[in-house]
Amino acid sequence: MKLLLTSAGLSNPSISKALEDLLAKPIKGVKLSFIPTAANIELGDKSWMIDDLNNFRKAGFEVDIVDISAVSKEIWLPRLQETEVLFFGGGNTFHLMYWVKQSGLQDALPELLKTRVYAGISAGSCIAGPTIFNSVQNLFDEEYELEIKEGLGLVDFQFIPHLNSPYFDKIREENLLEASKDIIEPVYALDDNSALKVTDGNVEIISEGKYLTYNL
């Protein structure tokens, strides 16, 4: 299985190159499905999501937008099958996980990911881990009407995006150090210029910025 877990998408050339390596061919003309569902309940300006989409286009991808909460499986599944990268966008982690399960995509992913790259931005990266309700993830103070604990379990570690971001003031070294003591899984905390490239369980840190690791 191949994954690219990012904090802020294709924010620099190193991260774009890592995705190209996972595809084992040039990005230009490759079809990418962007799943924006996590952002549906986020309030305020969405320029960050527009930036994510622009970065896909700048890299050379052909981009389809597929909201799994807005259309039936009969519509979204064929469209995902036509693409080589499934890119799950940022927003509310719980809302995204709810719809990945509710839509039926969670059941379809094992077959899809035999021949496609799973990629995530923020929430889209967080759901790849074993749980999304834990001491480190809860530093984001996300609110949702349902308490959803389990992630997809595609990887055996916790991914924490937005290290040192001015928009998430709890994602700092001292808080992460303390919170990571309450879980047994490895923790990777990455800033917006960093990502994880995962190939069949082997993890490589791709960074033009800062990152921290715990419990390794």
C-alpha atoms as a PDB file:
ATOM      1  CA  MET A   1       0.000   0.000   0.000  1.00  0.00           C
ATOM      2  CA  LYS A   2       1.221   3.488  -0.888  1.00  0.00           C
ATOM      3  CA  LEU A   3       0.319   6.617   1.082  1.00  0.00           C
ATOM      4  CA  LEU A   4       1.321  10.263   1.149  1.00  0.00           C
ATOM      5  CA  LEU A   5       0.252  11.897   4.413  1.00  0.00           C
ATOM      6  CA  THR A   6       0.644  15.662   4.405  1.00  0.00           C
ATOM      7  CA  SER A   7      -0.126  18.548   6.691  1.00  0.00           C
ATOM      8  CA  ALA A   8      -0.938  21.037   3.921  1.00  0.00           C
ATOM      9  CA  GLY A   9      -0.981  19.163   0.621  1.00  0.00           C
ATOM     10  CA  LEU A  10       1.557  19.724  -2.150  1.00  0.00           C
ATOM     11  CA  SER A  11       3.050  22.737  -0.408  1.00  0.00           C
ATOM     12  CA  ASN A  12       6.569  22.385  -1.822  1.00  0.00           C
ATOM     13  CA  PRO A  13       8.509  20.583  -4.578  1.00  0.00           C
ATOM     14  CA  SER A  14       9.835  17.857  -2.247  1.00  0.00           C
ATOM     15  CA  ILE A  15       6.324  16.697  -1.377  1.00  0.00           C
ATOM     16  CA  SER A  16       5.236  16.764  -5.034  1.00  0.00           C
ATOM     17  CA  LYS A  17       8.316  14.688  -5.906  1.00  0.00           C
ATOM     18  CA  ALA A  18       7.441  12.165  -3.179  1.00  0.00           C
ATOM     19  CA  LEU A  19       4.004  11.674  -4.729  1.00  0.00           C
ATOM     20  CA  GLU A  20       5.567  11.289  -8.149  1.00  0.00           C
ATOM     21  CA  ASP A  21       7.861   8.604  -6.713  1.00  0.00           C
ATOM     22  CA  LEU A  22       4.855   6.728  -5.319  1.00  0.00           C
ATOM     23  CA  LEU A  23       3.187   6.855  -8.730  1.00  0.00           C
ATOM     24  CA  ALA A  24       6.445   5.745 -10.391  1.00  0.00           C
ATOM     25  CA  LYS A  25       5.795   8.104 -13.294  1.00  0.00           C
ATOM     26  CA  PRO A  26       5.526  11.843 -14.029  1.00  0.00           C
ATOM     27  CA  ILE A  27       2.555  13.643 -12.498  1.00  0.00           C
ATOM     28  CA  LYS A  28       1.551  15.520 -15.653  1.00  0.00           C
ATOM     29  CA  GLY A  29      -1.812  14.242 -16.862  1.00  0.00           C
ATOM     30  CA  VAL A  30      -2.366  11.827 -13.945  1.00  0.00           C
ATOM     31  CA  LYS A  31      -5.981  11.793 -12.738  1.00  0.00           C
ATOM     32  CA  LEU A  32      -6.569  12.727  -9.099  1.00  0.00           C
ATOM     33  CA  SER A  33      -9.791  12.576  -7.086  1.00  0.00           C
ATOM     34  CA  PHE A  34     -10.047  15.252  -4.423  1.00  0.00           C
ATOM     35  CA  ILE A  35     -12.468  14.418  -1.604  1.00  0.00           C
ATOM     36  CA  PRO A  36     -13.434  17.710   0.118  1.00  0.00           C
ATOM     37  CA  THR A  37     -15.932  16.218   2.582  1.00  0.00           C
ATOM     38  CA  ALA A  38     -14.021  17.126   5.766  1.00  0.00           C
ATOM     39  CA  ALA A  39     -14.405  20.825   4.962  1.00  0.00           C
ATOM     40  CA  ASN A  40     -18.193  20.754   4.631  1.00  0.00           C
ATOM     41  CA  ILE A  41     -18.869  21.750   8.248  1.00  0.00           C
ATOM     42  CA  GLU A  42     -15.938  24.133   8.661  1.00  0.00           C
ATOM     43  CA  LEU A  43     -16.948  27.777   9.018  1.00  0.00           C
ATOM     44  CA  GLY A  44     -15.339  30.807   7.447  1.00  0.00           C
ATOM     45  CA  ASP A  45     -12.986  31.427   4.577  1.00  0.00           C
ATOM     46  CA  LYS A  46     -11.963  28.409   2.494  1.00  0.00           C
ATOM     47  CA  SER A  47      -8.980  29.941   0.722  1.00  0.00           C
ATOM     48  CA  TRP A  48      -6.801  27.168   2.174  1.00  0.00           C
ATOM     49  CA  MET A  49      -8.792  24.580   0.218  1.00  0.00           C
ATOM     50  CA  ILE A  50      -8.568  26.658  -2.946  1.00  0.00           C
ATOM     51  CA  ASP A  51      -4.787  26.762  -2.427  1.00  0.00           C
ATOM     52  CA  ASP A  52      -4.755  22.962  -2.144  1.00  0.00           C
ATOM     53  CA  LEU A  53      -6.622  22.617  -5.439  1.00  0.00           C
ATOM     54  CA  ASN A  54      -4.373  25.146  -7.169  1.00  0.00           C
ATOM     55  CA  ASN A  55      -1.306  23.204  -6.030  1.00  0.00           C
ATOM     56  CA  PHE A  56      -2.701  20.030  -7.644  1.00  0.00           C
ATOM     57  CA  ARG A  57      -3.161  21.867 -10.923  1.00  0.00           C
ATOM     58  CA  LYS A  58       0.280  23.479 -10.737  1.00  0.00           C
ATOM     59  CA  ALA A  59       1.823  20.036 -10.236  1.00  0.00           C
ATOM     60  CA  GLY A  60       0.127  18.841 -13.424  1.00  0.00           C
ATOM     61  CA  PHE A  61      -2.747  16.680 -12.161  1.00  0.00           C
ATOM     62  CA  GLU A  62      -6.147  16.374 -13.801  1.00  0.00           C
ATOM     63  CA  VAL A  63      -8.449  17.000 -10.826  1.00  0.00           C
ATOM     64  CA  ASP A  64     -11.944  15.670 -10.167  1.00  0.00           C
ATOM     65  CA  ILE A  65     -13.803  16.773  -7.014  1.00  0.00           C
ATOM     66  CA  VAL A  66     -15.824  13.973  -5.440  1.00  0.00           C
ATOM     67  CA  ASP A  67     -17.857  14.716  -2.305  1.00  0.00           C
ATOM     68  CA  ILE A  68     -18.768  11.316  -0.880  1.00  0.00           C
ATOM     69  CA  SER A  69     -21.458  12.854   1.356  1.00  0.00           C
ATOM     70  CA  ALA A  70     -23.279  14.492  -1.552  1.00  0.00           C
ATOM     71  CA  VAL A  71     -23.669  11.668  -4.072  1.00  0.00           C
ATOM     72  CA  SER A  72     -24.401   7.936  -3.942  1.00  0.00           C
ATOM     73  CA  LYS A  73     -21.872   5.139  -4.194  1.00  0.00           C
ATOM     74  CA  GLU A  74     -23.129   4.459  -7.710  1.00  0.00           C
ATOM     75  CA  ILE A  75     -21.787   7.895  -8.642  1.00  0.00           C
ATOM     76  CA  TRP A  76     -18.619   8.269  -6.539  1.00  0.00           C
ATOM     77  CA  LEU A  77     -17.183   4.752  -6.935  1.00  0.00           C
ATOM     78  CA  PRO A  78     -16.768   4.790 -10.748  1.00  0.00           C
ATOM     79  CA  ARG A  79     -15.187   8.240 -10.514  1.00  0.00           C
ATOM     80  CA  LEU A  80     -12.670   7.094  -7.906  1.00  0.00           C
ATOM     81  CA  GLN A  81     -11.911   4.023 -10.004  1.00  0.00           C
ATOM     82  CA  GLU A  82     -10.985   6.275 -12.925  1.00  0.00           C
ATOM     83  CA  THR A  83      -8.230   8.043 -10.968  1.00  0.00           C
ATOM     84  CA  GLU A  84      -4.793   7.081  -9.665  1.00  0.00           C
ATOM     85  CA  VAL A  85      -4.652   9.245  -6.531  1.00  0.00           C
ATOM     86  CA  LEU A  86      -7.344   9.517  -3.854  1.00  0.00           C
ATOM     87  CA  PHE A  87      -6.611  12.800  -2.064  1.00  0.00           C
ATOM     88  CA  PHE A  88      -8.630  13.366   1.117  1.00  0.00           C
ATOM     89  CA  GLY A  89      -8.794  17.044   2.055  1.00  0.00           C
ATOM     90  CA  GLY A  90      -8.629  18.861   5.375  1.00  0.00           C
ATOM     91  CA  GLY A  91     -11.332  20.007   7.744  1.00  0.00           C
ATOM     92  CA  ASN A  92     -13.128  18.185  10.540  1.00  0.00           C
ATOM     93  CA  THR A  93     -11.573  14.762  11.168  1.00  0.00           C
ATOM     94  CA  PHE A  94     -14.683  13.281  12.775  1.00  0.00           C
ATOM     95  CA  HIS A  95     -16.989  14.447   9.993  1.00  0.00           C
ATOM     96  CA  LEU A  96     -14.684  12.969   7.362  1.00  0.00           C
ATOM     97  CA  MET A  97     -14.395   9.638   9.160  1.00  0.00           C
ATOM     98  CA  TYR A  98     -18.169   9.465   9.606  1.00  0.00           C
ATOM     99  CA  TRP A  99     -18.773   9.859   5.893  1.00  0.00           C
ATOM    100  CA  VAL A 100     -15.961   7.536   4.814  1.00  0.00           C
ATOM    101  CA  LYS A 101     -17.751   4.846   6.809  1.00  0.00           C
ATOM    102  CA  GLN A 102     -21.355   5.921   6.177  1.00  0.00           C
ATOM    103  CA  SER A 103     -20.891   6.195   2.404  1.00  0.00           C
ATOM    104  CA  GLY A 104     -19.380   2.740   2.067  1.00  0.00           C
ATOM    105  CA  LEU A 105     -15.971   4.049   1.023  1.00  0.00           C
ATOM    106  CA  GLN A 106     -14.250   2.430   4.003  1.00  0.00           C
ATOM    107  CA  ASP A 107     -15.314  -0.990   2.696  1.00  0.00           C
ATOM    108  CA  ALA A 108     -14.240  -0.126  -0.848  1.00  0.00           C
ATOM    109  CA  LEU A 109     -10.804   1.250   0.068  1.00  0.00           C
ATOM    110  CA  PRO A 110      -8.885  -2.055   0.403  1.00  0.00           C
ATOM    111  CA  GLU A 111      -9.599  -2.917  -3.238  1.00  0.00           C
ATOM    112  CA  LEU A 112      -9.093   0.639  -4.488  1.00  0.00           C
ATOM    113  CA  LEU A 113      -5.742   0.998  -2.725  1.00  0.00           C
ATOM    114  CA  LYS A 114      -4.294  -2.093  -4.375  1.00  0.00           C
ATOM    115  CA  THR A 115      -3.614   0.067  -7.421  1.00  0.00           C
ATOM    116  CA  ARG A 116      -3.992   3.660  -6.197  1.00  0.00           C
ATOM    117  CA  VAL A 117      -2.190   6.054  -3.873  1.00  0.00           C
ATOM    118  CA  TYR A 118      -3.958   7.213  -0.727  1.00  0.00           C
ATOM    119  CA  ALA A 119      -3.066  10.831   0.016  1.00  0.00           C
ATOM    120  CA  GLY A 120      -4.261  13.142   2.753  1.00  0.00           C
ATOM    121  CA  ILE A 121      -4.226  16.737   3.878  1.00  0.00           C
ATOM    122  CA  SER A 122      -4.573  17.340   7.639  1.00  0.00           C
ATOM    123  CA  ALA A 123      -7.829  15.527   8.572  1.00  0.00           C
ATOM    124  CA  GLY A 124      -7.404  13.340   5.491  1.00  0.00           C
ATOM    125  CA  SER A 125      -4.044  12.216   6.869  1.00  0.00           C
ATOM    126  CA  CYS A 126      -5.245  11.846  10.460  1.00  0.00           C
ATOM    127  CA  ILE A 127      -7.950   9.291   9.611  1.00  0.00           C
ATOM    128  CA  ALA A 128      -5.327   6.936   8.161  1.00  0.00           C
ATOM    129  CA  GLY A 129      -4.207   5.997  11.687  1.00  0.00           C
ATOM    130  CA  PRO A 130      -5.709   3.485  14.115  1.00  0.00           C
ATOM    131  CA  THR A 131      -7.693   6.045  16.141  1.00  0.00           C
ATOM    132  CA  ILE A 132      -8.796   9.668  15.815  1.00  0.00           C
ATOM    133  CA  PHE A 133      -9.994  10.203  19.400  1.00  0.00           C
ATOM    134  CA  ASN A 134      -6.869  10.090  21.560  1.00  0.00           C
ATOM    135  CA  SER A 135      -4.594  12.273  23.663  1.00  0.00           C
ATOM    136  CA  VAL A 136      -2.628  13.764  20.778  1.00  0.00           C
ATOM    137  CA  GLN A 137      -5.427  14.213  18.258  1.00  0.00           C
ATOM    138  CA  ASN A 138      -7.595  15.826  20.927  1.00  0.00           C
ATOM    139  CA  LEU A 139      -5.174  18.761  21.100  1.00  0.00           C
ATOM    140  CA  PHE A 140      -7.090  20.128  18.105  1.00  0.00           C
ATOM    141  CA  ASP A 141     -10.273  20.551  20.191  1.00  0.00           C
ATOM    142  CA  GLU A 142     -12.476  19.491  17.296  1.00  0.00           C
ATOM    143  CA  GLU A 143     -16.205  19.432  17.940  1.00  0.00           C
ATOM    144  CA  TYR A 144     -18.660  16.922  16.493  1.00  0.00           C
ATOM    145  CA  GLU A 145     -22.013  15.580  17.605  1.00  0.00           C
ATOM    146  CA  LEU A 146     -20.827  11.978  17.390  1.00  0.00           C
ATOM    147  CA  GLU A 147     -17.853  10.556  19.278  1.00  0.00           C
ATOM    148  CA  ILE A 148     -15.957   8.552  16.690  1.00  0.00           C
ATOM    149  CA  LYS A 149     -12.830   6.823  17.939  1.00  0.00           C
ATOM    150  CA  GLU A 150     -11.556   4.508  15.218  1.00  0.00           C
ATOM    151  CA  GLY A 151      -9.599   5.589  12.160  1.00  0.00           C
ATOM    152  CA  LEU A 152      -8.998   3.575   9.004  1.00  0.00           C
ATOM    153  CA  GLY A 153      -5.989   1.701  10.411  1.00  0.00           C
ATOM    154  CA  LEU A 154      -4.035   2.025   7.174  1.00  0.00           C
ATOM    155  CA  VAL A 155      -0.948   2.875   9.243  1.00  0.00           C
ATOM    156  CA  ASP A 156       0.043   1.975  12.805  1.00  0.00           C
ATOM    157  CA  PHE A 157       0.967   5.489  13.963  1.00  0.00           C
ATOM    158  CA  GLN A 158      -0.641   8.833  14.737  1.00  0.00           C
ATOM    159  CA  PHE A 159      -0.264  11.688  12.277  1.00  0.00           C
ATOM    160  CA  ILE A 160      -0.405  15.203  13.730  1.00  0.00           C
ATOM    161  CA  PRO A 161      -0.506  18.073  11.220  1.00  0.00           C
ATOM    162  CA  HIS A 162       0.147  21.808  11.583  1.00  0.00           C
ATOM    163  CA  LEU A 163       3.090  21.692  13.982  1.00  0.00           C
ATOM    164  CA  ASN A 164       3.822  25.242  15.229  1.00  0.00           C
ATOM    165  CA  SER A 165       0.972  26.680  13.159  1.00  0.00           C
ATOM    166  CA  PRO A 166      -0.425  30.016  14.402  1.00  0.00           C
ATOM    167  CA  TYR A 167      -3.912  28.611  13.775  1.00  0.00           C
ATOM    168  CA  PHE A 168      -3.496  25.648  16.166  1.00  0.00           C
ATOM    169  CA  ASP A 169      -1.790  26.966  19.284  1.00  0.00           C
ATOM    170  CA  LYS A 170      -1.774  23.621  21.160  1.00  0.00           C
ATOM    171  CA  ILE A 171       0.262  21.813  18.506  1.00  0.00           C
ATOM    172  CA  ARG A 172       3.555  22.615  20.178  1.00  0.00           C
ATOM    173  CA  GLU A 173       6.439  20.442  21.336  1.00  0.00           C
ATOM    174  CA  GLU A 174       5.685  20.649  25.066  1.00  0.00           C
ATOM    175  CA  ASN A 175       2.027  19.645  24.603  1.00  0.00           C
ATOM    176  CA  LEU A 176       2.803  16.849  22.176  1.00  0.00           C
ATOM    177  CA  LEU A 177       5.490  15.432  24.441  1.00  0.00           C
ATOM    178  CA  GLU A 178       3.046  15.185  27.329  1.00  0.00           C
ATOM    179  CA  ALA A 179       0.094  13.920  25.270  1.00  0.00           C
ATOM    180  CA  SER A 180       2.141  11.230  23.535  1.00  0.00           C
ATOM    181  CA  LYS A 181       2.837   9.573  26.893  1.00  0.00           C
ATOM    182  CA  ASP A 182      -0.783   8.405  27.023  1.00  0.00           C
ATOM    183  CA  ILE A 183      -0.670   6.326  23.837  1.00  0.00           C
ATOM    184  CA  ILE A 184       1.530   3.465  22.704  1.00  0.00           C
ATOM    185  CA  GLU A 185       1.619   4.228  18.969  1.00  0.00           C
ATOM    186  CA  PRO A 186       4.391   6.215  17.322  1.00  0.00           C
ATOM    187  CA  VAL A 187       3.527   9.874  16.737  1.00  0.00           C
ATOM    188  CA  TYR A 188       4.677  11.987  13.791  1.00  0.00           C
ATOM    189  CA  ALA A 189       4.001  15.716  14.176  1.00  0.00           C
ATOM    190  CA  LEU A 190       4.658  17.634  10.966  1.00  0.00           C
ATOM    191  CA  ASP A 191       4.489  21.272   9.954  1.00  0.00           C
ATOM    192  CA  ASP A 192       2.891  22.509   6.744  1.00  0.00           C
ATOM    193  CA  ASN A 193       6.050  21.913   4.707  1.00  0.00           C
ATOM    194  CA  SER A 194       6.410  18.268   5.701  1.00  0.00           C
ATOM    195  CA  ALA A 195       4.843  14.932   4.798  1.00  0.00           C
ATOM    196  CA  LEU A 196       5.178  11.186   5.271  1.00  0.00           C
ATOM    197  CA  LYS A 197       5.776   8.878   2.326  1.00  0.00           C
ATOM    198  CA  VAL A 198       4.639   5.358   3.230  1.00  0.00           C
ATOM    199  CA  THR A 199       5.366   2.344   1.043  1.00  0.00           C
ATOM    200  CA  ASP A 200       4.193  -1.053   2.299  1.00  0.00           C
ATOM    201  CA  GLY A 201       4.644   0.056   5.910  1.00  0.00           C
ATOM    202  CA  ASN A 202       8.013   1.745   5.424  1.00  0.00           C
ATOM    203  CA  VAL A 203       7.850   5.385   6.542  1.00  0.00           C
ATOM    204  CA  GLU A 204      10.001   8.160   5.067  1.00  0.00           C
ATOM    205  CA  ILE A 205       9.829  11.741   6.321  1.00  0.00           C
ATOM    206  CA  ILE A 206       9.773  14.344   3.541  1.00  0.00           C
ATOM    207  CA  SER A 207      10.427  17.818   4.889  1.00  0.00           C
ATOM    208  CA  GLU A 208      11.424  21.331   3.915  1.00  0.00           C
ATOM    209  CA  GLY A 209      10.345  22.465   7.380  1.00  0.00           C
ATOM    210  CA  LYS A 210      10.068  21.049  10.887  1.00  0.00           C
ATOM    211  CA  TYR A 211       8.835  17.784  12.374  1.00  0.00           C
ATOM    212  CA  LEU A 212       8.869  15.891  15.677  1.00  0.00           C
ATOM    213  CA  THR A 213       8.558  12.195  16.484  1.00  0.00           C
ATOM    214  CA  TYR A 214       7.521  10.356  19.647  1.00  0.00           C
ATOM    215  CA  ASN A 215       7.286   6.728  20.785  1.00  0.00           C
ATOM    216  CA  LEU A 216       9.450   5.426  17.933  1.00  0.00           C
END
